[in-house]
Amino acid sequence: MSTPDTNPSAHPRTDPPARRRFAEQSRTAIVTGILCIVLIITLMQLWLLTATMNAFLGGDHAVAWPALGASLVCLVLNLGLLRYLCLLERPR
């Protein structure tokens, strides 16, 4: 009868298949979370475009520049998430 301390396969830290499986599961969860955030930001941008066009065509021209700034912030957020995703998927 071996103790867990002497049996190397009893430790999940030293078991490469279990570590790979955990890494794949956590990577999948991170990618799913990033895609959900990107979807929310994209829907916000579509709503922003619709509201801005409605206001602009209604004669309110002052709303165009702040909406452009907010849309650029959304773009930077999406590009940052894309960069993080590329760094996450890069082979080690």
C-alpha atoms as a PDB file:
ATOM      1  CA  MET A   1       0.000   0.000   0.000  1.00  0.00           C
ATOM      2  CA  SER A   2       1.578   3.247  -1.107  1.00  0.00           C
ATOM      3  CA  THR A   3       0.960   6.638   0.405  1.00  0.00           C
ATOM      4  CA  PRO A   4      -0.015   9.586  -1.750  1.00  0.00           C
ATOM      5  CA  ASP A   5       3.354  11.177  -1.021  1.00  0.00           C
ATOM      6  CA  THR A   6       5.310   8.326  -2.614  1.00  0.00           C
ATOM      7  CA  ASN A   7       2.963   7.733  -5.529  1.00  0.00           C
ATOM      8  CA  PRO A   8       3.682  10.421  -8.156  1.00  0.00           C
ATOM      9  CA  SER A   9       0.525   9.681 -10.139  1.00  0.00           C
ATOM     10  CA  ALA A  10      -1.633  10.535  -7.115  1.00  0.00           C
ATOM     11  CA  HIS A  11      -0.697  14.207  -7.356  1.00  0.00           C
ATOM     12  CA  PRO A  12      -2.720  16.089  -9.947  1.00  0.00           C
ATOM     13  CA  ARG A  13       0.109  18.607 -10.272  1.00  0.00           C
ATOM     14  CA  THR A  14       2.484  15.986 -11.625  1.00  0.00           C
ATOM     15  CA  ASP A  15      -0.050  14.302 -13.896  1.00  0.00           C
ATOM     16  CA  PRO A  16       0.466  15.883 -17.348  1.00  0.00           C
ATOM     17  CA  PRO A  17      -2.783  14.614 -18.952  1.00  0.00           C
ATOM     18  CA  ALA A  18      -4.841  16.022 -16.086  1.00  0.00           C
ATOM     19  CA  ARG A  19      -2.941  19.303 -16.272  1.00  0.00           C
ATOM     20  CA  ARG A  20      -3.484  19.522 -20.031  1.00  0.00           C
ATOM     21  CA  ARG A  21      -7.178  18.744 -19.620  1.00  0.00           C
ATOM     22  CA  PHE A  22      -7.510  21.445 -16.960  1.00  0.00           C
ATOM     23  CA  ALA A  23      -5.613  23.915 -19.145  1.00  0.00           C
ATOM     24  CA  GLU A  24      -7.882  23.179 -22.116  1.00  0.00           C
ATOM     25  CA  GLN A  25     -11.014  23.562 -19.991  1.00  0.00           C
ATOM     26  CA  SER A  26      -9.858  26.822 -18.473  1.00  0.00           C
ATOM     27  CA  ARG A  27      -8.773  28.139 -21.888  1.00  0.00           C
ATOM     28  CA  THR A  28     -12.193  27.251 -23.301  1.00  0.00           C
ATOM     29  CA  ALA A  29     -13.901  29.098 -20.445  1.00  0.00           C
ATOM     30  CA  ILE A  30     -11.717  32.176 -21.004  1.00  0.00           C
ATOM     31  CA  VAL A  31     -12.392  32.197 -24.745  1.00  0.00           C
ATOM     32  CA  THR A  32     -16.138  31.819 -24.157  1.00  0.00           C
ATOM     33  CA  GLY A  33     -16.086  34.705 -21.693  1.00  0.00           C
ATOM     34  CA  ILE A  34     -14.154  36.910 -24.105  1.00  0.00           C
ATOM     35  CA  LEU A  35     -16.604  36.122 -26.914  1.00  0.00           C
ATOM     36  CA  CYS A  36     -19.554  37.040 -24.671  1.00  0.00           C
ATOM     37  CA  ILE A  37     -17.934  40.364 -23.763  1.00  0.00           C
ATOM     38  CA  VAL A  38     -17.183  41.082 -27.431  1.00  0.00           C
ATOM     39  CA  LEU A  39     -20.802  40.316 -28.310  1.00  0.00           C
ATOM     40  CA  ILE A  40     -22.060  42.733 -25.646  1.00  0.00           C
ATOM     41  CA  ILE A  41     -19.678  45.490 -26.768  1.00  0.00           C
ATOM     42  CA  THR A  42     -20.665  44.971 -30.423  1.00  0.00           C
ATOM     43  CA  LEU A  43     -24.359  45.171 -29.560  1.00  0.00           C
ATOM     44  CA  MET A  44     -23.641  48.378 -27.645  1.00  0.00           C
ATOM     45  CA  GLN A  45     -21.922  49.798 -30.709  1.00  0.00           C
ATOM     46  CA  LEU A  46     -24.888  48.908 -32.916  1.00  0.00           C
ATOM     47  CA  TRP A  47     -27.264  50.565 -30.465  1.00  0.00           C
ATOM     48  CA  LEU A  48     -24.974  53.598 -30.301  1.00  0.00           C
ATOM     49  CA  LEU A  49     -24.919  53.853 -34.096  1.00  0.00           C
ATOM     50  CA  THR A  50     -28.713  53.615 -34.297  1.00  0.00           C
ATOM     51  CA  ALA A  51     -29.281  56.219 -31.575  1.00  0.00           C
ATOM     52  CA  THR A  52     -26.681  58.551 -33.055  1.00  0.00           C
ATOM     53  CA  MET A  53     -28.097  58.328 -36.556  1.00  0.00           C
ATOM     54  CA  ASN A  54     -31.607  58.918 -35.198  1.00  0.00           C
ATOM     55  CA  ALA A  55     -30.469  62.021 -33.314  1.00  0.00           C
ATOM     56  CA  PHE A  56     -28.308  63.291 -36.175  1.00  0.00           C
ATOM     57  CA  LEU A  57     -31.056  62.922 -38.773  1.00  0.00           C
ATOM     58  CA  GLY A  58     -33.429  64.593 -36.323  1.00  0.00           C
ATOM     59  CA  GLY A  59     -31.270  67.690 -36.327  1.00  0.00           C
ATOM     60  CA  ASP A  60     -29.205  67.141 -33.154  1.00  0.00           C
ATOM     61  CA  HIS A  61     -25.669  67.415 -34.544  1.00  0.00           C
ATOM     62  CA  ALA A  62     -23.977  67.833 -31.148  1.00  0.00           C
ATOM     63  CA  VAL A  63     -24.322  64.142 -30.329  1.00  0.00           C
ATOM     64  CA  ALA A  64     -22.099  62.928 -33.180  1.00  0.00           C
ATOM     65  CA  TRP A  65     -18.670  63.643 -31.629  1.00  0.00           C
ATOM     66  CA  PRO A  66     -19.363  62.093 -28.202  1.00  0.00           C
ATOM     67  CA  ALA A  67     -20.823  59.056 -29.944  1.00  0.00           C
ATOM     68  CA  LEU A  68     -17.689  58.785 -32.071  1.00  0.00           C
ATOM     69  CA  GLY A  69     -15.578  58.867 -28.909  1.00  0.00           C
ATOM     70  CA  ALA A  70     -17.682  56.162 -27.254  1.00  0.00           C
ATOM     71  CA  SER A  71     -17.487  54.028 -30.383  1.00  0.00           C
ATOM     72  CA  LEU A  72     -13.701  54.397 -30.461  1.00  0.00           C
ATOM     73  CA  VAL A  73     -13.543  53.277 -26.814  1.00  0.00           C
ATOM     74  CA  CYS A  74     -15.564  50.193 -27.742  1.00  0.00           C
ATOM     75  CA  LEU A  75     -13.193  49.530 -30.648  1.00  0.00           C
ATOM     76  CA  VAL A  76     -10.145  49.785 -28.378  1.00  0.00           C
ATOM     77  CA  LEU A  77     -11.754  47.376 -25.889  1.00  0.00           C
ATOM     78  CA  ASN A  78     -12.479  44.865 -28.632  1.00  0.00           C
ATOM     79  CA  LEU A  79      -8.949  45.156 -30.049  1.00  0.00           C
ATOM     80  CA  GLY A  80      -7.500  44.656 -26.571  1.00  0.00           C
ATOM     81  CA  LEU A  81      -9.567  41.515 -26.086  1.00  0.00           C
ATOM     82  CA  LEU A  82      -8.474  40.256 -29.509  1.00  0.00           C
ATOM     83  CA  ARG A  83      -4.826  40.850 -28.601  1.00  0.00           C
ATOM     84  CA  TYR A  84      -5.298  38.981 -25.304  1.00  0.00           C
ATOM     85  CA  LEU A  85      -6.942  36.114 -27.166  1.00  0.00           C
ATOM     86  CA  CYS A  86      -4.038  35.921 -29.645  1.00  0.00           C
ATOM     87  CA  LEU A  87      -1.551  35.879 -26.776  1.00  0.00           C
ATOM     88  CA  LEU A  88      -3.575  33.152 -25.056  1.00  0.00           C
ATOM     89  CA  GLU A  89      -3.638  30.929 -28.151  1.00  0.00           C
ATOM     90  CA  ARG A  90       0.054  31.336 -28.981  1.00  0.00           C
ATOM     91  CA  PRO A  91       1.938  28.045 -28.594  1.00  0.00           C
ATOM     92  CA  ARG A  92       4.409  27.941 -25.740  1.00  0.00           C
END
